[in-house]
Amino acid sequence: MRVSELIDILRDQPQDAEVELAVVAPVKESDEDITVDRYAIDGVLPWTDDDLDDPTSEGQVVVWLVGGEDDDVDTFLDAIEQGEGETD
């Protein structure tokens, strides 16, 4: 999804509505049952993605909506901040 598409979708929503991240996953690989984990969005992280499947998109910026368990998100964001401070 492109940022412009997300903005268009959100534009039609109530301005005071809460935005959450919903992760849908199978309960078991061999089962048709699914689980939905809901998380608040705790951050937005632009990321240069060199690992996309499309070789023409190398170096393309993607935007991650970051959410999860509070301690995990804090650890992740701390690790990203420390990684940005490193020089080669």
C-alpha atoms as a PDB file:
ATOM      1  CA  MET A   1       0.000   0.000   0.000  1.00  0.00           C
ATOM      2  CA  ARG A   2       1.267   3.472  -0.813  1.00  0.00           C
ATOM      3  CA  VAL A   3       1.215   6.306   1.724  1.00  0.00           C
ATOM      4  CA  SER A   4      -1.204   8.242  -0.505  1.00  0.00           C
ATOM      5  CA  GLU A   5      -3.626   5.269  -0.479  1.00  0.00           C
ATOM      6  CA  LEU A   6      -3.482   5.042   3.310  1.00  0.00           C
ATOM      7  CA  ILE A   7      -4.097   8.779   3.630  1.00  0.00           C
ATOM      8  CA  ASP A   8      -7.140   8.486   1.326  1.00  0.00           C
ATOM      9  CA  ILE A   9      -8.575   5.652   3.437  1.00  0.00           C
ATOM     10  CA  LEU A  10      -7.939   7.464   6.714  1.00  0.00           C
ATOM     11  CA  ARG A  11      -9.392  10.712   5.352  1.00  0.00           C
ATOM     12  CA  ASP A  12     -12.832   9.011   5.256  1.00  0.00           C
ATOM     13  CA  GLN A  13     -12.618   7.998   8.934  1.00  0.00           C
ATOM     14  CA  PRO A  14     -13.682  10.050  11.961  1.00  0.00           C
ATOM     15  CA  GLN A  15     -10.875  12.409  12.979  1.00  0.00           C
ATOM     16  CA  ASP A  16     -10.973  11.222  16.598  1.00  0.00           C
ATOM     17  CA  ALA A  17     -10.957   7.477  15.780  1.00  0.00           C
ATOM     18  CA  GLU A  18      -8.130   5.421  17.280  1.00  0.00           C
ATOM     19  CA  VAL A  19      -5.806   3.703  14.774  1.00  0.00           C
ATOM     20  CA  GLU A  20      -4.541   0.235  15.640  1.00  0.00           C
ATOM     21  CA  LEU A  21      -2.369  -2.331  13.935  1.00  0.00           C
ATOM     22  CA  ALA A  22      -4.084  -5.730  13.521  1.00  0.00           C
ATOM     23  CA  VAL A  23      -1.846  -8.726  12.832  1.00  0.00           C
ATOM     24  CA  VAL A  24      -3.715 -11.729  11.453  1.00  0.00           C
ATOM     25  CA  ALA A  25      -1.983 -15.114  11.669  1.00  0.00           C
ATOM     26  CA  PRO A  26      -2.905 -18.794  11.714  1.00  0.00           C
ATOM     27  CA  VAL A  27      -3.202 -20.396  15.146  1.00  0.00           C
ATOM     28  CA  LYS A  28      -1.442 -23.491  13.771  1.00  0.00           C
ATOM     29  CA  GLU A  29       0.104 -24.000  10.330  1.00  0.00           C
ATOM     30  CA  SER A  30      -2.187 -26.927   9.521  1.00  0.00           C
ATOM     31  CA  ASP A  31      -5.339 -25.293  10.923  1.00  0.00           C
ATOM     32  CA  GLU A  32      -7.812 -22.900   9.332  1.00  0.00           C
ATOM     33  CA  ASP A  33      -8.294 -21.063  12.655  1.00  0.00           C
ATOM     34  CA  ILE A  34      -6.779 -17.599  12.842  1.00  0.00           C
ATOM     35  CA  THR A  35      -5.862 -15.224  15.612  1.00  0.00           C
ATOM     36  CA  VAL A  36      -5.882 -11.436  15.524  1.00  0.00           C
ATOM     37  CA  ASP A  37      -3.444  -9.488  17.686  1.00  0.00           C
ATOM     38  CA  ARG A  38      -4.279  -5.795  18.079  1.00  0.00           C
ATOM     39  CA  TYR A  39      -1.654  -3.194  18.916  1.00  0.00           C
ATOM     40  CA  ALA A  40      -1.538   0.559  19.250  1.00  0.00           C
ATOM     41  CA  ILE A  41       0.749   2.218  16.723  1.00  0.00           C
ATOM     42  CA  ASP A  42       3.662   3.492  18.782  1.00  0.00           C
ATOM     43  CA  GLY A  43       5.789   4.844  15.977  1.00  0.00           C
ATOM     44  CA  VAL A  44       6.255   5.407  12.277  1.00  0.00           C
ATOM     45  CA  LEU A  45       9.623   4.433  10.865  1.00  0.00           C
ATOM     46  CA  PRO A  46      10.795   5.229   7.340  1.00  0.00           C
ATOM     47  CA  TRP A  47      13.055   2.408   6.223  1.00  0.00           C
ATOM     48  CA  THR A  48      15.242   1.997   3.149  1.00  0.00           C
ATOM     49  CA  ASP A  49      14.508  -1.511   1.990  1.00  0.00           C
ATOM     50  CA  ASP A  50      17.171  -3.268  -0.060  1.00  0.00           C
ATOM     51  CA  ASP A  51      15.506  -6.663   0.456  1.00  0.00           C
ATOM     52  CA  LEU A  52      12.313  -6.193  -1.548  1.00  0.00           C
ATOM     53  CA  ASP A  53      11.438  -8.968  -4.011  1.00  0.00           C
ATOM     54  CA  ASP A  54      11.410  -6.509  -6.929  1.00  0.00           C
ATOM     55  CA  PRO A  55      15.042  -5.801  -7.961  1.00  0.00           C
ATOM     56  CA  THR A  56      14.011  -2.448  -9.488  1.00  0.00           C
ATOM     57  CA  SER A  57      12.898  -1.214  -6.062  1.00  0.00           C
ATOM     58  CA  GLU A  58      16.343  -1.458  -4.414  1.00  0.00           C
ATOM     59  CA  GLY A  59      16.837   1.426  -2.011  1.00  0.00           C
ATOM     60  CA  GLN A  60      13.128   2.262  -2.018  1.00  0.00           C
ATOM     61  CA  VAL A  61      11.811   3.877   1.136  1.00  0.00           C
ATOM     62  CA  VAL A  62       9.039   1.968   2.895  1.00  0.00           C
ATOM     63  CA  VAL A  63       7.187   3.154   5.971  1.00  0.00           C
ATOM     64  CA  TRP A  64       6.740   0.821   8.917  1.00  0.00           C
ATOM     65  CA  LEU A  65       3.881   1.324  11.342  1.00  0.00           C
ATOM     66  CA  VAL A  66       5.450   0.062  14.565  1.00  0.00           C
ATOM     67  CA  GLY A  67       3.378  -1.542  17.289  1.00  0.00           C
ATOM     68  CA  GLY A  68       3.540  -4.445  19.700  1.00  0.00           C
ATOM     69  CA  GLU A  69       4.056  -5.161  23.351  1.00  0.00           C
ATOM     70  CA  ASP A  70       5.383  -2.004  25.037  1.00  0.00           C
ATOM     71  CA  ASP A  71       8.678  -3.539  26.209  1.00  0.00           C
ATOM     72  CA  ASP A  72       9.326  -5.096  22.786  1.00  0.00           C
ATOM     73  CA  VAL A  73       8.615  -1.840  20.961  1.00  0.00           C
ATOM     74  CA  ASP A  74      10.895   0.101  23.317  1.00  0.00           C
ATOM     75  CA  THR A  75      13.703  -2.433  22.800  1.00  0.00           C
ATOM     76  CA  PHE A  76      13.237  -2.327  19.023  1.00  0.00           C
ATOM     77  CA  LEU A  77      13.186   1.482  18.808  1.00  0.00           C
ATOM     78  CA  ASP A  78      16.229   1.717  21.111  1.00  0.00           C
ATOM     79  CA  ALA A  79      18.103  -0.729  18.864  1.00  0.00           C
ATOM     80  CA  ILE A  80      17.190   1.257  15.748  1.00  0.00           C
ATOM     81  CA  GLU A  81      18.322   4.528  17.357  1.00  0.00           C
ATOM     82  CA  GLN A  82      21.640   2.962  18.437  1.00  0.00           C
ATOM     83  CA  GLY A  83      22.131   1.546  14.925  1.00  0.00           C
ATOM     84  CA  GLU A  84      21.605   4.976  13.382  1.00  0.00           C
ATOM     85  CA  GLY A  85      24.355   6.401  15.585  1.00  0.00           C
ATOM     86  CA  GLU A  86      26.946   3.906  14.343  1.00  0.00           C
ATOM     87  CA  THR A  87      29.350   4.823  11.590  1.00  0.00           C
ATOM     88  CA  ASP A  88      31.228   2.470   9.258  1.00  0.00           C
END
